[in-house]
Amino acid sequence: MEDREILEAAAAAAREARPVALATVVQVKGSTPRDVGSKMLIGADGEQVGTIGGGCGEADVIETARQVLDTGVPQLIRVELTDDVESFSPAVCGGVMDIFIERTEGSLQ
């Protein structure tokens, strides 16, 4: 269902000629909240469709997506979920995700 929602949101952005950033999990190692291929669409207005896992990692993705929307330059970021269990951080899955973020006018082809 989530992929369909992302596709519909991307199509709406394309119809409106509104740029959005597409974040895609491209590699994982260890325990992570999402698998390779998981996607999230981020609009300049803060609109979000989908998730790459929530928490601090997702906040990093959203911040980077804003930069990608401003510059048009894609970025690959690493989200490390390896905080110590006693840190009370939500980033304690133990794994690492690489996420590719690109600007698109709504087309996911």
N, C-alpha and C. Protein backbone atom coordinates (compact mmCIF):
# COMPACT_ATOMS: atom_id res chain seq x y z
N MET A 1 0.82 -1.20 0.00
CA MET A 1 0.00 0.00 0.00
C MET A 1 0.87 1.26 0.00
N GLU A 2 1.96 1.24 0.76
CA GLU A 2 2.81 2.42 0.87
C GLU A 2 3.40 2.81 -0.49
N ASP A 3 3.86 1.82 -1.27
CA ASP A 3 4.42 2.14 -2.59
C ASP A 3 3.39 2.83 -3.47
N ARG A 4 2.15 2.38 -3.40
CA ARG A 4 1.09 3.01 -4.19
C ARG A 4 0.88 4.46 -3.77
N GLU A 5 0.88 4.70 -2.47
CA GLU A 5 0.72 6.07 -1.96
C GLU A 5 1.85 6.97 -2.44
N ILE A 6 3.08 6.44 -2.44
CA ILE A 6 4.23 7.22 -2.90
C ILE A 6 4.09 7.51 -4.38
N LEU A 7 3.69 6.51 -5.16
CA LEU A 7 3.50 6.72 -6.61
C LEU A 7 2.42 7.76 -6.88
N GLU A 8 1.32 7.69 -6.14
CA GLU A 8 0.24 8.66 -6.32
C GLU A 8 0.69 10.07 -5.95
N ALA A 9 1.46 10.20 -4.86
CA ALA A 9 1.96 11.51 -4.45
C ALA A 9 2.96 12.05 -5.47
N ALA A 10 3.80 11.17 -6.02
CA ALA A 10 4.76 11.58 -7.04
C ALA A 10 4.04 12.02 -8.31
N ALA A 11 2.99 11.30 -8.68
CA ALA A 11 2.22 11.68 -9.86
C ALA A 11 1.55 13.03 -9.67
N ALA A 12 1.02 13.27 -8.48
CA ALA A 12 0.40 14.57 -8.18
C ALA A 12 1.44 15.69 -8.27
N ALA A 13 2.64 15.44 -7.74
CA ALA A 13 3.70 16.43 -7.82
C ALA A 13 4.07 16.71 -9.27
N ALA A 14 4.10 15.68 -10.09
CA ALA A 14 4.43 15.84 -11.52
C ALA A 14 3.37 16.69 -12.22
N ARG A 15 2.10 16.41 -11.93
CA ARG A 15 1.01 17.18 -12.55
C ARG A 15 1.10 18.65 -12.18
N GLU A 16 1.55 18.92 -10.97
CA GLU A 16 1.64 20.29 -10.47
C GLU A 16 3.01 20.92 -10.74
N ALA A 17 3.89 20.18 -11.41
CA ALA A 17 5.27 20.63 -11.66
C ALA A 17 5.94 21.08 -10.37
N ARG A 18 5.69 20.30 -9.32
CA ARG A 18 6.23 20.61 -7.99
C ARG A 18 7.35 19.62 -7.68
N PRO A 19 8.57 20.11 -7.46
CA PRO A 19 9.67 19.20 -7.16
C PRO A 19 9.51 18.55 -5.79
N VAL A 20 9.92 17.30 -5.72
CA VAL A 20 9.93 16.55 -4.47
C VAL A 20 11.25 15.80 -4.40
N ALA A 21 11.60 15.38 -3.22
CA ALA A 21 12.80 14.56 -3.04
C ALA A 21 12.37 13.13 -2.76
N LEU A 22 13.01 12.21 -3.43
CA LEU A 22 12.73 10.79 -3.24
C LEU A 22 13.92 10.17 -2.52
N ALA A 23 13.66 9.62 -1.34
CA ALA A 23 14.69 8.94 -0.56
C ALA A 23 14.45 7.44 -0.69
N THR A 24 15.50 6.71 -1.05
CA THR A 24 15.40 5.26 -1.25
C THR A 24 16.50 4.57 -0.46
N VAL A 25 16.11 3.58 0.33
CA VAL A 25 17.10 2.77 1.04
C VAL A 25 17.79 1.89 0.00
N VAL A 26 19.10 2.05 -0.16
CA VAL A 26 19.83 1.32 -1.19
C VAL A 26 20.72 0.22 -0.64
N GLN A 27 21.02 0.28 0.66
CA GLN A 27 21.84 -0.77 1.26
C GLN A 27 21.58 -0.80 2.75
N VAL A 28 21.55 -1.99 3.32
CA VAL A 28 21.42 -2.14 4.76
C VAL A 28 22.44 -3.15 5.26
N LYS A 29 22.81 -2.97 6.50
CA LYS A 29 23.70 -3.93 7.15
C LYS A 29 23.23 -4.06 8.59
N GLY A 30 23.01 -5.27 9.04
CA GLY A 30 22.55 -5.49 10.39
C GLY A 30 21.04 -5.27 10.50
N SER A 31 20.60 -5.05 11.71
CA SER A 31 19.19 -4.87 11.99
C SER A 31 18.78 -3.43 11.69
N THR A 32 17.79 -3.26 10.79
CA THR A 32 17.30 -1.93 10.42
C THR A 32 15.78 -1.97 10.37
N PRO A 33 15.14 -0.81 10.53
CA PRO A 33 13.68 -0.78 10.53
C PRO A 33 13.06 -0.99 9.15
N ARG A 34 13.82 -0.75 8.07
CA ARG A 34 13.30 -0.90 6.72
C ARG A 34 14.30 -1.66 5.87
N ASP A 35 13.81 -2.22 4.77
CA ASP A 35 14.65 -3.01 3.87
C ASP A 35 15.06 -2.18 2.65
N VAL A 36 16.01 -2.72 1.89
CA VAL A 36 16.42 -2.11 0.63
C VAL A 36 15.19 -1.94 -0.26
N GLY A 37 15.10 -0.79 -0.88
CA GLY A 37 13.97 -0.48 -1.75
C GLY A 37 12.89 0.34 -1.08
N SER A 38 12.91 0.45 0.24
CA SER A 38 11.93 1.28 0.93
C SER A 38 12.12 2.72 0.51
N LYS A 39 11.00 3.43 0.35
CA LYS A 39 11.04 4.78 -0.18
C LYS A 39 10.27 5.76 0.71
N MET A 40 10.64 7.02 0.56
CA MET A 40 9.96 8.12 1.24
C MET A 40 10.02 9.32 0.31
N LEU A 41 8.90 10.01 0.16
CA LEU A 41 8.82 11.20 -0.68
C LEU A 41 8.71 12.41 0.25
N ILE A 42 9.53 13.43 0.00
CA ILE A 42 9.54 14.61 0.84
C ILE A 42 9.34 15.85 -0.04
N GLY A 43 8.34 16.65 0.30
CA GLY A 43 8.07 17.88 -0.43
C GLY A 43 8.72 19.08 0.23
N ALA A 44 8.91 20.15 -0.54
CA ALA A 44 9.51 21.37 -0.01
C ALA A 44 8.65 21.97 1.10
N ASP A 45 7.35 21.68 1.05
CA ASP A 45 6.43 22.20 2.05
C ASP A 45 6.41 21.36 3.32
N GLY A 46 7.26 20.32 3.38
CA GLY A 46 7.31 19.45 4.55
C GLY A 46 6.45 18.21 4.43
N GLU A 47 5.68 18.11 3.35
CA GLU A 47 4.85 16.93 3.14
C GLU A 47 5.74 15.69 3.06
N GLN A 48 5.29 14.61 3.71
CA GLN A 48 6.03 13.35 3.68
C GLN A 48 5.07 12.22 3.37
N VAL A 49 5.49 11.35 2.48
CA VAL A 49 4.72 10.16 2.16
C VAL A 49 5.67 8.99 2.25
N GLY A 50 5.31 7.99 3.03
CA GLY A 50 6.18 6.84 3.23
C GLY A 50 7.15 7.10 4.38
N THR A 51 8.02 6.13 4.62
CA THR A 51 8.98 6.24 5.71
C THR A 51 10.22 5.40 5.40
N ILE A 52 11.33 5.82 5.93
CA ILE A 52 12.52 4.99 5.86
C ILE A 52 12.84 4.43 7.24
N GLY A 53 11.95 4.67 8.21
CA GLY A 53 12.13 4.04 9.51
C GLY A 53 11.87 4.91 10.72
N GLY A 54 11.68 6.20 10.54
CA GLY A 54 11.35 7.07 11.66
C GLY A 54 12.57 7.49 12.48
N GLY A 55 12.30 8.21 13.54
CA GLY A 55 13.33 8.61 14.48
C GLY A 55 14.36 9.56 13.94
N CYS A 56 15.54 9.53 14.58
CA CYS A 56 16.64 10.44 14.23
C CYS A 56 17.12 10.22 12.81
N GLY A 57 17.15 8.98 12.35
CA GLY A 57 17.59 8.70 10.98
C GLY A 57 16.69 9.36 9.96
N GLU A 58 15.40 9.29 10.19
CA GLU A 58 14.46 9.91 9.26
C GLU A 58 14.60 11.43 9.30
N ALA A 59 14.87 11.98 10.46
CA ALA A 59 15.09 13.42 10.57
C ALA A 59 16.31 13.84 9.74
N ASP A 60 17.36 13.03 9.75
CA ASP A 60 18.54 13.32 8.93
C ASP A 60 18.19 13.27 7.44
N VAL A 61 17.36 12.31 7.06
CA VAL A 61 16.94 12.19 5.67
C VAL A 61 16.14 13.41 5.25
N ILE A 62 15.23 13.86 6.09
CA ILE A 62 14.40 15.03 5.77
C ILE A 62 15.27 16.28 5.62
N GLU A 63 16.23 16.45 6.51
CA GLU A 63 17.13 17.60 6.43
C GLU A 63 17.94 17.56 5.12
N THR A 64 18.45 16.39 4.79
CA THR A 64 19.23 16.25 3.55
C THR A 64 18.33 16.44 2.34
N ALA A 65 17.09 15.96 2.41
CA ALA A 65 16.14 16.13 1.30
C ALA A 65 15.90 17.61 1.01
N ARG A 66 15.84 18.42 2.04
CA ARG A 66 15.67 19.87 1.83
C ARG A 66 16.86 20.45 1.08
N GLN A 67 18.07 19.99 1.41
CA GLN A 67 19.26 20.45 0.68
C GLN A 67 19.20 20.01 -0.78
N VAL A 68 18.79 18.77 -1.01
CA VAL A 68 18.69 18.24 -2.37
C VAL A 68 17.64 19.02 -3.16
N LEU A 69 16.54 19.37 -2.53
CA LEU A 69 15.52 20.17 -3.21
C LEU A 69 16.06 21.55 -3.58
N ASP A 70 16.86 22.13 -2.70
CA ASP A 70 17.43 23.46 -2.96
C ASP A 70 18.48 23.44 -4.06
N THR A 71 19.32 22.42 -4.06
CA THR A 71 20.47 22.40 -4.97
C THR A 71 20.24 21.55 -6.23
N GLY A 72 19.38 20.57 -6.13
CA GLY A 72 19.19 19.64 -7.23
C GLY A 72 20.26 18.56 -7.30
N VAL A 73 21.20 18.59 -6.36
CA VAL A 73 22.30 17.63 -6.36
C VAL A 73 21.93 16.44 -5.47
N PRO A 74 21.88 15.22 -6.04
CA PRO A 74 21.55 14.04 -5.25
C PRO A 74 22.62 13.78 -4.19
N GLN A 75 22.21 13.12 -3.12
CA GLN A 75 23.15 12.78 -2.04
C GLN A 75 22.91 11.36 -1.58
N LEU A 76 23.97 10.73 -1.16
CA LEU A 76 23.92 9.42 -0.52
C LEU A 76 24.33 9.63 0.92
N ILE A 77 23.45 9.26 1.85
CA ILE A 77 23.79 9.44 3.26
C ILE A 77 23.73 8.10 3.97
N ARG A 78 24.46 8.02 5.04
CA ARG A 78 24.49 6.82 5.88
C ARG A 78 23.79 7.14 7.19
N VAL A 79 22.83 6.29 7.54
CA VAL A 79 22.12 6.42 8.81
C VAL A 79 22.58 5.26 9.69
N GLU A 80 23.25 5.59 10.77
CA GLU A 80 23.76 4.57 11.68
C GLU A 80 22.82 4.46 12.88
N LEU A 81 22.35 3.26 13.09
CA LEU A 81 21.40 2.99 14.17
C LEU A 81 22.10 2.16 15.24
N THR A 82 23.26 2.64 15.67
CA THR A 82 24.13 1.83 16.52
C THR A 82 24.37 2.45 17.89
N ASP A 83 23.52 3.37 18.31
CA ASP A 83 23.70 3.96 19.65
C ASP A 83 23.63 2.86 20.71
N ASP A 84 24.28 3.10 21.82
CA ASP A 84 24.26 2.17 22.94
C ASP A 84 22.84 2.03 23.47
N VAL A 85 22.43 0.84 23.81
CA VAL A 85 21.08 0.59 24.32
C VAL A 85 20.77 1.46 25.53
N GLU A 86 21.75 1.75 26.35
CA GLU A 86 21.54 2.55 27.55
C GLU A 86 21.46 4.05 27.26
N SER A 87 21.58 4.45 26.00
CA SER A 87 21.56 5.87 25.66
C SER A 87 20.14 6.44 25.60
N PHE A 88 19.13 5.59 25.64
CA PHE A 88 17.73 5.99 25.53
C PHE A 88 17.44 6.65 24.19
N SER A 89 18.27 6.39 23.21
CA SER A 89 18.08 6.93 21.87
C SER A 89 17.20 5.99 21.07
N PRO A 90 16.38 6.53 20.13
CA PRO A 90 15.59 5.64 19.27
C PRO A 90 16.44 4.96 18.20
N ALA A 91 17.73 5.28 18.13
CA ALA A 91 18.60 4.74 17.08
C ALA A 91 19.41 3.56 17.62
N VAL A 92 18.72 2.50 18.06
CA VAL A 92 19.42 1.37 18.66
C VAL A 92 19.11 0.05 17.98
N CYS A 93 18.69 0.07 16.73
CA CYS A 93 18.41 -1.17 16.00
C CYS A 93 19.68 -2.00 15.83
N GLY A 94 20.81 -1.31 15.74
CA GLY A 94 22.09 -1.98 15.60
C GLY A 94 22.63 -2.03 14.19
N GLY A 95 21.87 -1.55 13.22
CA GLY A 95 22.30 -1.64 11.83
C GLY A 95 22.66 -0.29 11.23
N VAL A 96 22.94 -0.35 9.93
CA VAL A 96 23.31 0.83 9.16
C VAL A 96 22.53 0.80 7.86
N MET A 97 22.01 1.97 7.45
CA MET A 97 21.29 2.08 6.18
C MET A 97 21.95 3.16 5.34
N ASP A 98 22.14 2.87 4.06
CA ASP A 98 22.56 3.89 3.10
C ASP A 98 21.32 4.31 2.32
N ILE A 99 21.12 5.62 2.23
CA ILE A 99 19.91 6.15 1.62
C ILE A 99 20.30 7.15 0.53
N PHE A 100 19.78 6.92 -0.67
CA PHE A 100 20.02 7.80 -1.81
C PHE A 100 18.84 8.76 -1.90
N ILE A 101 19.16 10.05 -1.98
CA ILE A 101 18.12 11.09 -2.02
C ILE A 101 18.31 11.89 -3.31
N GLU A 102 17.24 11.95 -4.10
CA GLU A 102 17.30 12.66 -5.38
C GLU A 102 16.08 13.55 -5.54
N ARG A 103 16.27 14.63 -6.26
CA ARG A 103 15.17 15.54 -6.59
C ARG A 103 14.48 15.01 -7.84
N THR A 104 13.18 15.09 -7.84
CA THR A 104 12.43 14.67 -9.00
C THR A 104 11.23 15.59 -9.15
N GLU A 105 10.75 15.72 -10.34
CA GLU A 105 9.55 16.51 -10.57
C GLU A 105 8.32 15.63 -10.40
N GLY A 106 8.51 14.49 -9.78
CA GLY A 106 7.39 13.60 -9.50
C GLY A 106 7.44 12.28 -10.20
N SER A 107 8.29 12.09 -11.19
CA SER A 107 8.35 10.84 -11.92
C SER A 107 9.28 9.87 -11.20
N LEU A 108 8.83 8.65 -10.99
CA LEU A 108 9.64 7.65 -10.32
C LEU A 108 10.21 6.64 -11.30
N GLN A 109 10.26 6.95 -12.58
CA GLN A 109 10.74 5.99 -13.57
C GLN A 109 12.23 5.88 -13.56
